Amino acid sequence: MPYHDLRDWIRGAEELGELRRVEGADWHLEIGAITEVAACGQASYAVLFDKIKGYPTGYRVLVGMNESLKRQCLTTNLPPNYDRMQFIQAWKERLNEPKLIPPSIVREGPILENIYEGKDIDLFSLPIS
């Protein structure tokens, strides 16, 4: 199934058992540490931090999207059961025979839901350090 946006990708990763959710983490003291622990384990997972302390509902952080072959397949719309050689072969074919996608100009869509310009731009409003 092709994924059209990050919301689709999150659902796909969850269906594959490749995503863990963490609610209520502190952006300054916990997200980085939890990310390191999640990446170092024998089974690495993507982690979606939600309901981050001190931030409004809906501000989320996703880490570890491509740290497993299954998630790389998910991201690139390849079958998640591909082994490393099948993945490499598929990418060789894509690079040798690219299928260009013509741009579509749209007036609305998810990418246009949150627009900040000029003085409204505030990087401190994001749960990052």
C-alpha atoms as a PDB file:
ATOM      1  CA  MET A   1       0.000   0.000   0.000  1.00  0.00           C
ATOM      2  CA  PRO A   2       1.510   3.352  -0.927  1.00  0.00           C
ATOM      3  CA  TYR A   3       1.675   5.806   1.929  1.00  0.00           C
ATOM      4  CA  HIS A   4       0.692   9.363   1.125  1.00  0.00           C
ATOM      5  CA  ASP A   5       1.681  11.157   4.293  1.00  0.00           C
ATOM      6  CA  LEU A   6       3.272  10.727   7.686  1.00  0.00           C
ATOM      7  CA  ARG A   7      -0.041   9.740   9.258  1.00  0.00           C
ATOM      8  CA  ASP A   8      -0.271   6.783   6.844  1.00  0.00           C
ATOM      9  CA  TRP A   9       3.363   5.882   7.578  1.00  0.00           C
ATOM     10  CA  ILE A  10       2.701   5.861  11.336  1.00  0.00           C
ATOM     11  CA  ARG A  11      -0.285   3.533  10.855  1.00  0.00           C
ATOM     12  CA  GLY A  12       1.819   1.250   8.636  1.00  0.00           C
ATOM     13  CA  ALA A  13       4.692   1.116  11.125  1.00  0.00           C
ATOM     14  CA  GLU A  14       2.246   0.305  13.901  1.00  0.00           C
ATOM     15  CA  GLU A  15       0.710  -2.508  11.838  1.00  0.00           C
ATOM     16  CA  LEU A  16       4.209  -3.946  11.300  1.00  0.00           C
ATOM     17  CA  GLY A  17       4.946  -3.803  15.049  1.00  0.00           C
ATOM     18  CA  GLU A  18       7.756  -1.310  14.341  1.00  0.00           C
ATOM     19  CA  LEU A  19       6.430   1.663  16.343  1.00  0.00           C
ATOM     20  CA  ARG A  20       6.217   2.419  20.045  1.00  0.00           C
ATOM     21  CA  ARG A  21       4.274   5.323  21.536  1.00  0.00           C
ATOM     22  CA  VAL A  22       5.434   7.305  24.555  1.00  0.00           C
ATOM     23  CA  GLU A  23       3.077   9.795  26.171  1.00  0.00           C
ATOM     24  CA  GLY A  24       3.942  12.537  28.622  1.00  0.00           C
ATOM     25  CA  ALA A  25       7.721  12.647  28.109  1.00  0.00           C
ATOM     26  CA  ASP A  26       9.680  15.769  28.967  1.00  0.00           C
ATOM     27  CA  TRP A  27      11.181  17.309  25.809  1.00  0.00           C
ATOM     28  CA  HIS A  28      14.311  18.481  27.589  1.00  0.00           C
ATOM     29  CA  LEU A  29      15.099  15.602  29.937  1.00  0.00           C
ATOM     30  CA  GLU A  30      13.564  12.463  28.473  1.00  0.00           C
ATOM     31  CA  ILE A  31      13.019  12.444  24.697  1.00  0.00           C
ATOM     32  CA  GLY A  32      16.730  12.342  23.821  1.00  0.00           C
ATOM     33  CA  ALA A  33      17.512   9.667  26.410  1.00  0.00           C
ATOM     34  CA  ILE A  34      14.564   7.478  25.398  1.00  0.00           C
ATOM     35  CA  THR A  35      15.564   7.860  21.743  1.00  0.00           C
ATOM     36  CA  GLU A  36      19.097   6.616  22.509  1.00  0.00           C
ATOM     37  CA  VAL A  37      17.799   3.647  24.510  1.00  0.00           C
ATOM     38  CA  ALA A  38      15.317   2.722  21.769  1.00  0.00           C
ATOM     39  CA  ALA A  39      18.043   2.839  19.099  1.00  0.00           C
ATOM     40  CA  CYS A  40      20.515   0.718  21.085  1.00  0.00           C
ATOM     41  CA  GLY A  41      18.289  -2.237  21.818  1.00  0.00           C
ATOM     42  CA  GLN A  42      18.467  -5.505  19.925  1.00  0.00           C
ATOM     43  CA  ALA A  43      15.100  -4.670  18.356  1.00  0.00           C
ATOM     44  CA  SER A  44      15.085  -1.018  17.308  1.00  0.00           C
ATOM     45  CA  TYR A  45      11.736   0.750  17.077  1.00  0.00           C
ATOM     46  CA  ALA A  46      10.480   4.034  15.751  1.00  0.00           C
ATOM     47  CA  VAL A  47       9.191   6.042  18.701  1.00  0.00           C
ATOM     48  CA  LEU A  48       6.325   8.525  18.571  1.00  0.00           C
ATOM     49  CA  PHE A  49       6.317  10.951  21.497  1.00  0.00           C
ATOM     50  CA  ASP A  50       2.889  12.421  22.157  1.00  0.00           C
ATOM     51  CA  LYS A  51       1.379  14.631  24.855  1.00  0.00           C
ATOM     52  CA  ILE A  52       4.816  16.120  25.504  1.00  0.00           C
ATOM     53  CA  LYS A  53       5.106  17.942  28.828  1.00  0.00           C
ATOM     54  CA  GLY A  54       4.670  21.691  28.444  1.00  0.00           C
ATOM     55  CA  TYR A  55       3.341  21.541  24.863  1.00  0.00           C
ATOM     56  CA  PRO A  56      -0.192  21.622  23.452  1.00  0.00           C
ATOM     57  CA  THR A  57      -1.900  18.416  22.383  1.00  0.00           C
ATOM     58  CA  GLY A  58      -0.928  17.534  18.829  1.00  0.00           C
ATOM     59  CA  TYR A  59       2.731  18.544  19.113  1.00  0.00           C
ATOM     60  CA  ARG A  60       4.491  15.248  18.547  1.00  0.00           C
ATOM     61  CA  VAL A  61       8.024  14.033  17.850  1.00  0.00           C
ATOM     62  CA  LEU A  62       8.817  10.959  15.737  1.00  0.00           C
ATOM     63  CA  VAL A  63      12.287   9.408  15.885  1.00  0.00           C
ATOM     64  CA  GLY A  64      13.964   6.354  14.366  1.00  0.00           C
ATOM     65  CA  MET A  65      11.939   6.262  11.170  1.00  0.00           C
ATOM     66  CA  ASN A  66      14.537   4.467   9.055  1.00  0.00           C
ATOM     67  CA  GLU A  67      16.570   2.476  11.565  1.00  0.00           C
ATOM     68  CA  SER A  68      15.262  -0.876  10.368  1.00  0.00           C
ATOM     69  CA  LEU A  69      15.008  -2.454   6.944  1.00  0.00           C
ATOM     70  CA  LYS A  70      11.234  -2.917   7.357  1.00  0.00           C
ATOM     71  CA  ARG A  71      10.787   0.790   8.041  1.00  0.00           C
ATOM     72  CA  GLN A  72      13.036   1.692   5.109  1.00  0.00           C
ATOM     73  CA  CYS A  73      10.811  -0.475   2.916  1.00  0.00           C
ATOM     74  CA  LEU A  74       7.742   1.210   4.375  1.00  0.00           C
ATOM     75  CA  THR A  75       9.191   4.666   3.709  1.00  0.00           C
ATOM     76  CA  THR A  76      10.082   3.827   0.110  1.00  0.00           C
ATOM     77  CA  ASN A  77       6.873   1.887  -0.691  1.00  0.00           C
ATOM     78  CA  LEU A  78       8.580  -1.482  -1.049  1.00  0.00           C
ATOM     79  CA  PRO A  79       7.214  -4.738   0.391  1.00  0.00           C
ATOM     80  CA  PRO A  80       8.150  -4.883   4.094  1.00  0.00           C
ATOM     81  CA  ASN A  81       9.301  -8.491   3.800  1.00  0.00           C
ATOM     82  CA  TYR A  82      12.174  -7.645   1.444  1.00  0.00           C
ATOM     83  CA  ASP A  83      15.606  -8.740   2.590  1.00  0.00           C
ATOM     84  CA  ARG A  84      18.611  -6.428   2.242  1.00  0.00           C
ATOM     85  CA  MET A  85      19.566  -7.693  -1.238  1.00  0.00           C
ATOM     86  CA  GLN A  86      15.999  -7.328  -2.562  1.00  0.00           C
ATOM     87  CA  PHE A  87      15.924  -3.776  -1.173  1.00  0.00           C
ATOM     88  CA  ILE A  88      19.235  -2.910  -2.858  1.00  0.00           C
ATOM     89  CA  GLN A  89      18.113  -4.451  -6.159  1.00  0.00           C
ATOM     90  CA  ALA A  90      14.835  -2.522  -6.096  1.00  0.00           C
ATOM     91  CA  TRP A  91      16.741   0.715  -5.514  1.00  0.00           C
ATOM     92  CA  LYS A  92      19.186  -0.045  -8.320  1.00  0.00           C
ATOM     93  CA  GLU A  93      16.210  -0.502 -10.656  1.00  0.00           C
ATOM     94  CA  ARG A  94      14.609   2.742  -9.458  1.00  0.00           C
ATOM     95  CA  LEU A  95      17.836   4.659  -9.982  1.00  0.00           C
ATOM     96  CA  ASN A  96      18.419   3.165 -13.441  1.00  0.00           C
ATOM     97  CA  GLU A  97      14.819   3.727 -14.586  1.00  0.00           C
ATOM     98  CA  PRO A  98      13.439   6.692 -12.641  1.00  0.00           C
ATOM     99  CA  LYS A  99       9.713   7.366 -12.864  1.00  0.00           C
ATOM    100  CA  LEU A 100       9.304  11.093 -12.597  1.00  0.00           C
ATOM    101  CA  ILE A 101       6.174  12.326 -10.890  1.00  0.00           C
ATOM    102  CA  PRO A 102       4.802  15.568 -12.275  1.00  0.00           C
ATOM    103  CA  PRO A 103       4.082  18.211  -9.644  1.00  0.00           C
ATOM    104  CA  SER A 104       0.528  19.017  -8.606  1.00  0.00           C
ATOM    105  CA  ILE A 105      -0.347  22.494  -7.456  1.00  0.00           C
ATOM    106  CA  VAL A 106      -3.007  22.415  -4.755  1.00  0.00           C
ATOM    107  CA  ARG A 107      -4.883  25.085  -2.837  1.00  0.00           C
ATOM    108  CA  GLU A 108      -5.316  22.991   0.312  1.00  0.00           C
ATOM    109  CA  GLY A 109      -3.854  19.904   1.949  1.00  0.00           C
ATOM    110  CA  PRO A 110      -2.123  18.680   5.118  1.00  0.00           C
ATOM    111  CA  ILE A 111       1.105  20.495   4.288  1.00  0.00           C
ATOM    112  CA  LEU A 112      -0.772  23.796   4.365  1.00  0.00           C
ATOM    113  CA  GLU A 113      -2.468  23.207   7.741  1.00  0.00           C
ATOM    114  CA  ASN A 114       0.155  25.046   9.801  1.00  0.00           C
ATOM    115  CA  ILE A 115       1.778  28.070   8.230  1.00  0.00           C
ATOM    116  CA  TYR A 116       3.879  30.546  10.208  1.00  0.00           C
ATOM    117  CA  GLU A 117       5.464  33.592   8.637  1.00  0.00           C
ATOM    118  CA  GLY A 118       7.492  36.577   9.787  1.00  0.00           C
ATOM    119  CA  LYS A 119       7.160  37.385  13.488  1.00  0.00           C
ATOM    120  CA  ASP A 120       4.919  34.334  14.031  1.00  0.00           C
ATOM    121  CA  ILE A 121       7.897  32.020  13.549  1.00  0.00           C
ATOM    122  CA  ASP A 122       9.057  30.737  16.946  1.00  0.00           C
ATOM    123  CA  LEU A 123      11.332  27.690  17.000  1.00  0.00           C
ATOM    124  CA  PHE A 124      10.953  27.548  20.794  1.00  0.00           C
ATOM    125  CA  SER A 125       7.307  26.594  20.243  1.00  0.00           C
ATOM    126  CA  LEU A 126       8.516  23.163  19.071  1.00  0.00           C
ATOM    127  CA  PRO A 127       9.427  20.370  21.522  1.00  0.00           C
ATOM    128  CA  ILE A 128      13.064  20.120  20.434  1.00  0.00           C
ATOM    129  CA  SER A 129      16.398  20.892  22.009  1.00  0.00           C
END
